[in-house]
Amino acid sequence: EGMDSYCIKAFAEALEAIPYTLAENAGMKPIDVVTELRKAHVEGATGAGINVKKNLVSNMYDLNVLQPLLVSTSAINLATETVCMILKVDDLVVVQ
């Protein structure tokens, strides 16, 4: 509802920039790749990711491509805190 749903949607869109940028930097077609990745996740392939060596979406678990959870959560927490500080300074959203 209202501001909360707007913030959640914006947060989701910001996270989607990660695979888009990865695909773009790898010389792939980012829209096609993100669409294929989204489809794979909807179909239950939780390990689906972008294979930049073969220019396709692959199961990252099968390729032994893993990333420590702390790396991802730390980056997301830092980015979220930064955005909250900016919004708080600009008086756009009351941050709890």
PDB file of N, CA and C in Angstrom:
ATOM      1  N   GLU A   1       0.825  -1.179   0.000  1.00  0.00           N
ATOM      2  CA  GLU A   1       0.000   0.000   0.000  1.00  0.00           C
ATOM      3  C   GLU A   1       0.869   1.243   0.000  1.00  0.00           C
ATOM      4  N   GLY A   2       0.544   2.164  -0.828  1.00  0.00           N
ATOM      5  CA  GLY A   2       1.174   3.477  -0.818  1.00  0.00           C
ATOM      6  C   GLY A   2       2.683   3.454  -0.936  1.00  0.00           C
ATOM      7  N   MET A   3       3.305   4.191  -0.017  1.00  0.00           N
ATOM      8  CA  MET A   3       4.755   4.388  -0.051  1.00  0.00           C
ATOM      9  C   MET A   3       5.511   3.083   0.160  1.00  0.00           C
ATOM     10  N   ASP A   4       4.993   2.181   1.004  1.00  0.00           N
ATOM     11  CA  ASP A   4       5.676   0.911   1.260  1.00  0.00           C
ATOM     12  C   ASP A   4       5.796   0.083  -0.017  1.00  0.00           C
ATOM     13  N   SER A   5       4.698  -0.042  -0.752  1.00  0.00           N
ATOM     14  CA  SER A   5       4.746  -0.848  -1.978  1.00  0.00           C
ATOM     15  C   SER A   5       5.632  -0.197  -3.026  1.00  0.00           C
ATOM     16  N   TYR A   6       5.638   1.113  -3.067  1.00  0.00           N
ATOM     17  CA  TYR A   6       6.512   1.821  -4.006  1.00  0.00           C
ATOM     18  C   TYR A   6       7.979   1.527  -3.677  1.00  0.00           C
ATOM     19  N   CYS A   7       8.311   1.564  -2.405  1.00  0.00           N
ATOM     20  CA  CYS A   7       9.693   1.311  -1.977  1.00  0.00           C
ATOM     21  C   CYS A   7      10.117  -0.122  -2.271  1.00  0.00           C
ATOM     22  N   ILE A   8       9.222  -1.066  -2.017  1.00  0.00           N
ATOM     23  CA  ILE A   8       9.542  -2.470  -2.272  1.00  0.00           C
ATOM     24  C   ILE A   8       9.737  -2.720  -3.763  1.00  0.00           C
ATOM     25  N   LYS A   9       8.877  -2.127  -4.590  1.00  0.00           N
ATOM     26  CA  LYS A   9       9.009  -2.285  -6.046  1.00  0.00           C
ATOM     27  C   LYS A   9      10.322  -1.673  -6.534  1.00  0.00           C
ATOM     28  N   ALA A  10      10.669  -0.504  -6.022  1.00  0.00           N
ATOM     29  CA  ALA A  10      11.924   0.151  -6.412  1.00  0.00           C
ATOM     30  C   ALA A  10      13.131  -0.676  -5.980  1.00  0.00           C
ATOM     31  N   PHE A  11      13.039  -1.288  -4.799  1.00  0.00           N
ATOM     32  CA  PHE A  11      14.122  -2.137  -4.300  1.00  0.00           C
ATOM     33  C   PHE A  11      14.300  -3.347  -5.212  1.00  0.00           C
ATOM     34  N   ALA A  12      13.193  -3.971  -5.617  1.00  0.00           N
ATOM     35  CA  ALA A  12      13.249  -5.128  -6.518  1.00  0.00           C
ATOM     36  C   ALA A  12      13.840  -4.743  -7.868  1.00  0.00           C
ATOM     37  N   GLU A  13      13.452  -3.597  -8.384  1.00  0.00           N
ATOM     38  CA  GLU A  13      13.996  -3.134  -9.665  1.00  0.00           C
ATOM     39  C   GLU A  13      15.495  -2.870  -9.556  1.00  0.00           C
ATOM     40  N   ALA A  14      15.918  -2.343  -8.425  1.00  0.00           N
ATOM     41  CA  ALA A  14      17.346  -2.081  -8.222  1.00  0.00           C
ATOM     42  C   ALA A  14      18.138  -3.382  -8.195  1.00  0.00           C
ATOM     43  N   LEU A  15      17.592  -4.416  -7.558  1.00  0.00           N
ATOM     44  CA  LEU A  15      18.274  -5.708  -7.524  1.00  0.00           C
ATOM     45  C   LEU A  15      18.360  -6.338  -8.912  1.00  0.00           C
ATOM     46  N   GLU A  16      17.361  -6.077  -9.743  1.00  0.00           N
ATOM     47  CA  GLU A  16      17.362  -6.641 -11.091  1.00  0.00           C
ATOM     48  C   GLU A  16      18.456  -6.023 -11.962  1.00  0.00           C
ATOM     49  N   ALA A  17      18.972  -4.890 -11.543  1.00  0.00           N
ATOM     50  CA  ALA A  17      20.059  -4.253 -12.293  1.00  0.00           C
ATOM     51  C   ALA A  17      21.338  -5.082 -12.239  1.00  0.00           C
ATOM     52  N   ILE A  18      21.473  -5.932 -11.222  1.00  0.00           N
ATOM     53  CA  ILE A  18      22.701  -6.729 -11.075  1.00  0.00           C
ATOM     54  C   ILE A  18      22.873  -7.715 -12.228  1.00  0.00           C
ATOM     55  N   PRO A  19      21.916  -8.611 -12.490  1.00  0.00           N
ATOM     56  CA  PRO A  19      22.116  -9.521 -13.632  1.00  0.00           C
ATOM     57  C   PRO A  19      22.097  -8.787 -14.972  1.00  0.00           C
ATOM     58  N   TYR A  20      21.329  -7.711 -15.060  1.00  0.00           N
ATOM     59  CA  TYR A  20      21.282  -6.921 -16.295  1.00  0.00           C
ATOM     60  C   TYR A  20      22.673  -6.358 -16.607  1.00  0.00           C
ATOM     61  N   THR A  21      23.305  -5.771 -15.599  1.00  0.00           N
ATOM     62  CA  THR A  21      24.640  -5.186 -15.784  1.00  0.00           C
ATOM     63  C   THR A  21      25.680  -6.258 -16.077  1.00  0.00           C
ATOM     64  N   LEU A  22      25.585  -7.389 -15.392  1.00  0.00           N
ATOM     65  CA  LEU A  22      26.516  -8.495 -15.632  1.00  0.00           C
ATOM     66  C   LEU A  22      26.426  -8.977 -17.078  1.00  0.00           C
ATOM     67  N   ALA A  23      25.203  -9.170 -17.546  1.00  0.00           N
ATOM     68  CA  ALA A  23      25.010  -9.622 -18.928  1.00  0.00           C
ATOM     69  C   ALA A  23      25.507  -8.578 -19.922  1.00  0.00           C
ATOM     70  N   GLU A  24      25.216  -7.330 -19.649  1.00  0.00           N
ATOM     71  CA  GLU A  24      25.640  -6.249 -20.544  1.00  0.00           C
ATOM     72  C   GLU A  24      27.163  -6.163 -20.617  1.00  0.00           C
ATOM     73  N   ASN A  25      27.820  -6.250 -19.464  1.00  0.00           N
ATOM     74  CA  ASN A  25      29.284  -6.181 -19.422  1.00  0.00           C
ATOM     75  C   ASN A  25      29.947  -7.399 -20.065  1.00  0.00           C
ATOM     76  N   ALA A  26      29.219  -8.507 -20.132  1.00  0.00           N
ATOM     77  CA  ALA A  26      29.757  -9.717 -20.756  1.00  0.00           C
ATOM     78  C   ALA A  26      29.497  -9.741 -22.260  1.00  0.00           C
ATOM     79  N   GLY A  27      28.872  -8.683 -22.782  1.00  0.00           N
ATOM     80  CA  GLY A  27      28.612  -8.617 -24.214  1.00  0.00           C
ATOM     81  C   GLY A  27      27.385  -9.399 -24.644  1.00  0.00           C
ATOM     82  N   MET A  28      26.544  -9.730 -23.693  1.00  0.00           N
ATOM     83  CA  MET A  28      25.326 -10.484 -23.989  1.00  0.00           C
ATOM     84  C   MET A  28      24.168  -9.502 -24.194  1.00  0.00           C
ATOM     85  N   LYS A  29      23.023 -10.015 -24.616  1.00  0.00           N
ATOM     86  CA  LYS A  29      21.824  -9.191 -24.736  1.00  0.00           C
ATOM     87  C   LYS A  29      21.126  -9.202 -23.384  1.00  0.00           C
ATOM     88  N   PRO A  30      21.260  -8.115 -22.611  1.00  0.00           N
ATOM     89  CA  PRO A  30      20.794  -8.141 -21.223  1.00  0.00           C
ATOM     90  C   PRO A  30      19.295  -8.389 -21.051  1.00  0.00           C
ATOM     91  N   ILE A  31      18.467  -7.842 -21.898  1.00  0.00           N
ATOM     92  CA  ILE A  31      17.022  -8.048 -21.757  1.00  0.00           C
ATOM     93  C   ILE A  31      16.674  -9.512 -21.962  1.00  0.00           C
ATOM     94  N   ASP A  32      17.260 -10.132 -22.983  1.00  0.00           N
ATOM     95  CA  ASP A  32      17.007 -11.551 -23.241  1.00  0.00           C
ATOM     96  C   ASP A  32      17.495 -12.419 -22.090  1.00  0.00           C
ATOM     97  N   VAL A  33      18.670 -12.099 -21.576  1.00  0.00           N
ATOM     98  CA  VAL A  33      19.262 -12.896 -20.504  1.00  0.00           C
ATOM     99  C   VAL A  33      18.440 -12.787 -19.220  1.00  0.00           C
ATOM    100  N   VAL A  34      18.054 -11.562 -18.854  1.00  0.00           N
ATOM    101  CA  VAL A  34      17.275 -11.373 -17.631  1.00  0.00           C
ATOM    102  C   VAL A  34      15.913 -12.048 -17.762  1.00  0.00           C
ATOM    103  N   THR A  35      15.320 -11.988 -18.942  1.00  0.00           N
ATOM    104  CA  THR A  35      14.040 -12.668 -19.172  1.00  0.00           C
ATOM    105  C   THR A  35      14.194 -14.170 -19.019  1.00  0.00           C
ATOM    106  N   GLU A  36      15.250 -14.721 -19.599  1.00  0.00           N
ATOM    107  CA  GLU A  36      15.505 -16.163 -19.494  1.00  0.00           C
ATOM    108  C   GLU A  36      15.804 -16.563 -18.042  1.00  0.00           C
ATOM    109  N   LEU A  37      16.553 -15.725 -17.340  1.00  0.00           N
ATOM    110  CA  LEU A  37      16.885 -15.984 -15.937  1.00  0.00           C
ATOM    111  C   LEU A  37      15.619 -15.952 -15.073  1.00  0.00           C
ATOM    112  N   ARG A  38      14.780 -14.971 -15.305  1.00  0.00           N
ATOM    113  CA  ARG A  38      13.519 -14.868 -14.573  1.00  0.00           C
ATOM    114  C   ARG A  38      12.648 -16.103 -14.817  1.00  0.00           C
ATOM    115  N   LYS A  39      12.600 -16.551 -16.075  1.00  0.00           N
ATOM    116  CA  LYS A  39      11.817 -17.739 -16.445  1.00  0.00           C
ATOM    117  C   LYS A  39      12.350 -18.974 -15.721  1.00  0.00           C
ATOM    118  N   ALA A  40      13.671 -19.120 -15.697  1.00  0.00           N
ATOM    119  CA  ALA A  40      14.285 -20.268 -15.024  1.00  0.00           C
ATOM    120  C   ALA A  40      13.948 -20.269 -13.537  1.00  0.00           C
ATOM    121  N   HIS A  41      13.974 -19.112 -12.907  1.00  0.00           N
ATOM    122  CA  HIS A  41      13.657 -19.028 -11.485  1.00  0.00           C
ATOM    123  C   HIS A  41      12.188 -19.347 -11.229  1.00  0.00           C
ATOM    124  N   VAL A  42      11.305 -18.880 -12.096  1.00  0.00           N
ATOM    125  CA  VAL A  42       9.877 -19.177 -11.948  1.00  0.00           C
ATOM    126  C   VAL A  42       9.622 -20.677 -12.067  1.00  0.00           C
ATOM    127  N   GLU A  43      10.391 -21.340 -12.927  1.00  0.00           N
ATOM    128  CA  GLU A  43      10.242 -22.781 -13.132  1.00  0.00           C
ATOM    129  C   GLU A  43      10.893 -23.596 -12.018  1.00  0.00           C
ATOM    130  N   GLY A  44      11.486 -22.931 -11.031  1.00  0.00           N
ATOM    131  CA  GLY A  44      12.039 -23.632  -9.879  1.00  0.00           C
ATOM    132  C   GLY A  44      13.539 -23.854  -9.904  1.00  0.00           C
ATOM    133  N   ALA A  45      14.216 -23.359 -10.899  1.00  0.00           N
ATOM    134  CA  ALA A  45      15.671 -23.519 -10.982  1.00  0.00           C
ATOM    135  C   ALA A  45      16.344 -22.458 -10.108  1.00  0.00           C
ATOM    136  N   THR A  46      16.402 -22.722  -8.794  1.00  0.00           N
ATOM    137  CA  THR A  46      16.927 -21.723  -7.862  1.00  0.00           C
ATOM    138  C   THR A  46      18.416 -21.445  -8.054  1.00  0.00           C
ATOM    139  N   GLY A  47      19.121 -22.371  -8.670  1.00  0.00           N
ATOM    140  CA  GLY A  47      20.551 -22.187  -8.896  1.00  0.00           C
ATOM    141  C   GLY A  47      20.876 -21.558 -10.244  1.00  0.00           C
ATOM    142  N   ALA A  48      19.854 -21.117 -10.959  1.00  0.00           N
ATOM    143  CA  ALA A  48      20.087 -20.533 -12.285  1.00  0.00           C
ATOM    144  C   ALA A  48      20.840 -19.219 -12.152  1.00  0.00           C
ATOM    145  N   GLY A  49      21.797 -19.043 -13.032  1.00  0.00           N
ATOM    146  CA  GLY A  49      22.593 -17.819 -13.054  1.00  0.00           C
ATOM    147  C   GLY A  49      23.156 -17.589 -14.439  1.00  0.00           C
ATOM    148  N   ILE A  50      23.869 -16.502 -14.587  1.00  0.00           N
ATOM    149  CA  ILE A  50      24.411 -16.130 -15.896  1.00  0.00           C
ATOM    150  C   ILE A  50      25.790 -16.748 -16.071  1.00  0.00           C
ATOM    151  N   ASN A  51      25.918 -17.587 -17.085  1.00  0.00           N
ATOM    152  CA  ASN A  51      27.194 -18.203 -17.435  1.00  0.00           C
ATOM    153  C   ASN A  51      27.833 -17.322 -18.505  1.00  0.00           C
ATOM    154  N   VAL A  52      28.752 -16.457 -18.087  1.00  0.00           N
ATOM    155  CA  VAL A  52      29.351 -15.504 -19.023  1.00  0.00           C
ATOM    156  C   VAL A  52      30.347 -16.173 -19.971  1.00  0.00           C
ATOM    157  N   LYS A  53      30.834 -17.346 -19.617  1.00  0.00           N
ATOM    158  CA  LYS A  53      31.766 -18.051 -20.498  1.00  0.00           C
ATOM    159  C   LYS A  53      31.059 -18.637 -21.708  1.00  0.00           C
ATOM    160  N   LYS A  54      29.824 -19.094 -21.510  1.00  0.00           N
ATOM    161  CA  LYS A  54      29.071 -19.715 -22.605  1.00  0.00           C
ATOM    162  C   LYS A  54      27.935 -18.832 -23.113  1.00  0.00           C
ATOM    163  N   ASN A  55      27.791 -17.640 -22.519  1.00  0.00           N
ATOM    164  CA  ASN A  55      26.745 -16.689 -22.910  1.00  0.00           C
ATOM    165  C   ASN A  55      25.341 -17.279 -22.832  1.00  0.00           C
ATOM    166  N   LEU A  56      25.045 -17.929 -21.700  1.00  0.00           N
ATOM    167  CA  LEU A  56      23.700 -18.458 -21.492  1.00  0.00           C
ATOM    168  C   LEU A  56      23.420 -18.595 -20.007  1.00  0.00           C
ATOM    169  N   VAL A  57      22.174 -18.913 -19.692  1.00  0.00           N
ATOM    170  CA  VAL A  57      21.776 -19.135 -18.308  1.00  0.00           C
ATOM    171  C   VAL A  57      22.029 -20.605 -17.981  1.00  0.00           C
ATOM    172  N   SER A  58      22.763 -20.856 -16.899  1.00  0.00           N
ATOM    173  CA  SER A  58      23.122 -22.214 -16.497  1.00  0.00           C
ATOM    174  C   SER A  58      22.854 -22.398 -15.013  1.00  0.00           C
ATOM    175  N   ASN A  59      22.912 -23.658 -14.564  1.00  0.00           N
ATOM    176  CA  ASN A  59      22.790 -23.958 -13.148  1.00  0.00           C
ATOM    177  C   ASN A  59      24.164 -23.737 -12.517  1.00  0.00           C
ATOM    178  N   MET A  60      24.262 -22.733 -11.679  1.00  0.00           N
ATOM    179  CA  MET A  60      25.541 -22.371 -11.079  1.00  0.00           C
ATOM    180  C   MET A  60      26.038 -23.437 -10.098  1.00  0.00           C
ATOM    181  N   TYR A  61      25.111 -24.171  -9.473  1.00  0.00           N
ATOM    182  CA  TYR A  61      25.524 -25.241  -8.560  1.00  0.00           C
ATOM    183  C   TYR A  61      26.253 -26.341  -9.329  1.00  0.00           C
ATOM    184  N   ASP A  62      25.742 -26.683 -10.514  1.00  0.00           N
ATOM    185  CA  ASP A  62      26.389 -27.711 -11.334  1.00  0.00           C
ATOM    186  C   ASP A  62      27.783 -27.281 -11.782  1.00  0.00           C
ATOM    187  N   LEU A  63      27.986 -25.967 -11.930  1.00  0.00           N
ATOM    188  CA  LEU A  63      29.275 -25.440 -12.371  1.00  0.00           C
ATOM    189  C   LEU A  63      30.204 -25.119 -11.197  1.00  0.00           C
ATOM    190  N   ASN A  64      29.731 -25.410  -9.973  1.00  0.00           N
ATOM    191  CA  ASN A  64      30.490 -25.098  -8.755  1.00  0.00           C
ATOM    192  C   ASN A  64      30.823 -23.617  -8.635  1.00  0.00           C
ATOM    193  N   VAL A  65      29.901 -22.779  -9.078  1.00  0.00           N
ATOM    194  CA  VAL A  65      30.059 -21.331  -8.936  1.00  0.00           C
ATOM    195  C   VAL A  65      29.217 -20.920  -7.736  1.00  0.00           C
ATOM    196  N   LEU A  66      29.886 -20.609  -6.653  1.00  0.00           N
ATOM    197  CA  LEU A  66      29.211 -20.255  -5.420  1.00  0.00           C
ATOM    198  C   LEU A  66      29.768 -18.951  -4.875  1.00  0.00           C
ATOM    199  N   GLN A  67      28.958 -18.261  -4.108  1.00  0.00           N
ATOM    200  CA  GLN A  67      29.393 -17.010  -3.489  1.00  0.00           C
ATOM    201  C   GLN A  67      28.980 -17.066  -2.023  1.00  0.00           C
ATOM    202  N   PRO A  68      29.884 -16.725  -1.128  1.00  0.00           N
ATOM    203  CA  PRO A  68      29.515 -16.743   0.291  1.00  0.00           C
ATOM    204  C   PRO A  68      28.326 -15.819   0.565  1.00  0.00           C
ATOM    205  N   LEU A  69      27.396 -16.275   1.393  1.00  0.00           N
ATOM    206  CA  LEU A  69      26.203 -15.505   1.712  1.00  0.00           C
ATOM    207  C   LEU A  69      26.558 -14.158   2.323  1.00  0.00           C
ATOM    208  N   LEU A  70      27.619 -14.114   3.122  1.00  0.00           N
ATOM    209  CA  LEU A  70      28.012 -12.878   3.784  1.00  0.00           C
ATOM    210  C   LEU A  70      28.342 -11.779   2.773  1.00  0.00           C
ATOM    211  N   VAL A  71      28.919 -12.133   1.639  1.00  0.00           N
ATOM    212  CA  VAL A  71      29.261 -11.142   0.620  1.00  0.00           C
ATOM    213  C   VAL A  71      27.997 -10.463   0.100  1.00  0.00           C
ATOM    214  N   SER A  72      27.012 -11.269  -0.260  1.00  0.00           N
ATOM    215  CA  SER A  72      25.767 -10.718  -0.809  1.00  0.00           C
ATOM    216  C   SER A  72      24.985  -9.930   0.231  1.00  0.00           C
ATOM    217  N   THR A  73      24.833 -10.502   1.415  1.00  0.00           N
ATOM    218  CA  THR A  73      24.033  -9.815   2.432  1.00  0.00           C
ATOM    219  C   THR A  73      24.696  -8.516   2.891  1.00  0.00           C
ATOM    220  N   SER A  74      26.014  -8.509   2.974  1.00  0.00           N
ATOM    221  CA  SER A  74      26.718  -7.282   3.370  1.00  0.00           C
ATOM    222  C   SER A  74      26.526  -6.187   2.325  1.00  0.00           C
ATOM    223  N   ALA A  75      26.632  -6.537   1.057  1.00  0.00           N
ATOM    224  CA  ALA A  75      26.463  -5.553  -0.011  1.00  0.00           C
ATOM    225  C   ALA A  75      25.039  -5.010  -0.039  1.00  0.00           C
ATOM    226  N   ILE A  76      24.059  -5.896   0.109  1.00  0.00           N
ATOM    227  CA  ILE A  76      22.659  -5.460   0.089  1.00  0.00           C
ATOM    228  C   ILE A  76      22.351  -4.607   1.320  1.00  0.00           C
ATOM    229  N   ASN A  77      22.842  -5.004   2.480  1.00  0.00           N
ATOM    230  CA  ASN A  77      22.615  -4.207   3.692  1.00  0.00           C
ATOM    231  C   ASN A  77      23.239  -2.827   3.578  1.00  0.00           C
ATOM    232  N   LEU A  78      24.457  -2.755   3.073  1.00  0.00           N
ATOM    233  CA  LEU A  78      25.133  -1.465   2.922  1.00  0.00           C
ATOM    234  C   LEU A  78      24.376  -0.568   1.940  1.00  0.00           C
ATOM    235  N   ALA A  79      23.965  -1.133   0.819  1.00  0.00           N
ATOM    236  CA  ALA A  79      23.218  -0.355  -0.170  1.00  0.00           C
ATOM    237  C   ALA A  79      21.888   0.115   0.400  1.00  0.00           C
ATOM    238  N   THR A  80      21.208  -0.740   1.140  1.00  0.00           N
ATOM    239  CA  THR A  80      19.916  -0.383   1.734  1.00  0.00           C
ATOM    240  C   THR A  80      20.082   0.723   2.770  1.00  0.00           C
ATOM    241  N   GLU A  81      21.087   0.609   3.617  1.00  0.00           N
ATOM    242  CA  GLU A  81      21.339   1.646   4.618  1.00  0.00           C
ATOM    243  C   GLU A  81      21.663   2.979   3.959  1.00  0.00           C
ATOM    244  N   THR A  82      22.412   2.934   2.873  1.00  0.00           N
ATOM    245  CA  THR A  82      22.759   4.163   2.153  1.00  0.00           C
ATOM    246  C   THR A  82      21.518   4.840   1.595  1.00  0.00           C
ATOM    247  N   VAL A  83      20.657   4.062   0.964  1.00  0.00           N
ATOM    248  CA  VAL A  83      19.428   4.620   0.403  1.00  0.00           C
ATOM    249  C   VAL A  83      18.540   5.181   1.511  1.00  0.00           C
ATOM    250  N   CYS A  84      18.436   4.464   2.622  1.00  0.00           N
ATOM    251  CA  CYS A  84      17.622   4.949   3.740  1.00  0.00           C
ATOM    252  C   CYS A  84      18.151   6.278   4.268  1.00  0.00           C
ATOM    253  N   MET A  85      19.470   6.405   4.349  1.00  0.00           N
ATOM    254  CA  MET A  85      20.055   7.673   4.812  1.00  0.00           C
ATOM    255  C   MET A  85      19.745   8.799   3.839  1.00  0.00           C
ATOM    256  N   ILE A  86      19.845   8.523   2.554  1.00  0.00           N
ATOM    257  CA  ILE A  86      19.548   9.545   1.548  1.00  0.00           C
ATOM    258  C   ILE A  86      18.081   9.967   1.634  1.00  0.00           C
ATOM    259  N   LEU A  87      17.192   8.987   1.738  1.00  0.00           N
ATOM    260  CA  LEU A  87      15.771   9.297   1.824  1.00  0.00           C
ATOM    261  C   LEU A  87      15.450  10.041   3.119  1.00  0.00           C
ATOM    262  N   LYS A  88      16.119   9.680   4.177  1.00  0.00           N
ATOM    263  CA  LYS A  88      15.888  10.356   5.458  1.00  0.00           C
ATOM    264  C   LYS A  88      16.349  11.811   5.390  1.00  0.00           C
ATOM    265  N   VAL A  89      17.491  12.039   4.764  1.00  0.00           N
ATOM    266  CA  VAL A  89      18.013  13.393   4.612  1.00  0.00           C
ATOM    267  C   VAL A  89      17.077  14.227   3.753  1.00  0.00           C
ATOM    268  N   ASP A  90      16.561  13.622   2.693  1.00  0.00           N
ATOM    269  CA  ASP A  90      15.663  14.343   1.779  1.00  0.00           C
ATOM    270  C   ASP A  90      14.224  14.413   2.296  1.00  0.00           C
ATOM    271  N   ASP A  91      13.957  13.808   3.460  1.00  0.00           N
ATOM    272  CA  ASP A  91      12.613  13.788   4.057  1.00  0.00           C
ATOM    273  C   ASP A  91      11.582  13.178   3.128  1.00  0.00           C
ATOM    274  N   LEU A  92      12.002  12.169   2.343  1.00  0.00           N
ATOM    275  CA  LEU A  92      11.059  11.513   1.436  1.00  0.00           C
ATOM    276  C   LEU A  92      10.323  10.384   2.125  1.00  0.00           C
ATOM    277  N   VAL A  93      10.998   9.665   2.999  1.00  0.00           N
ATOM    278  CA  VAL A  93      10.396   8.515   3.674  1.00  0.00           C
ATOM    279  C   VAL A  93      10.834   8.544   5.127  1.00  0.00           C
ATOM    280  N   VAL A  94       9.927   8.265   6.017  1.00  0.00           N
ATOM    281  CA  VAL A  94      10.277   8.164   7.427  1.00  0.00           C
ATOM    282  C   VAL A  94      10.897   6.784   7.625  1.00  0.00           C
ATOM    283  N   VAL A  95      12.165   6.760   8.015  1.00  0.00           N
ATOM    284  CA  VAL A  95      12.898   5.518   8.186  1.00  0.00           C
ATOM    285  C   VAL A  95      12.849   5.098   9.648  1.00  0.00           C
ATOM    286  N   GLN A  96      12.498   3.833   9.870  1.00  0.00           N
ATOM    287  CA  GLN A  96      12.388   3.328  11.238  1.00  0.00           C
ATOM    288  C   GLN A  96      13.736   2.893  11.749  1.00  0.00           C
TER     289      GLN A  96
END
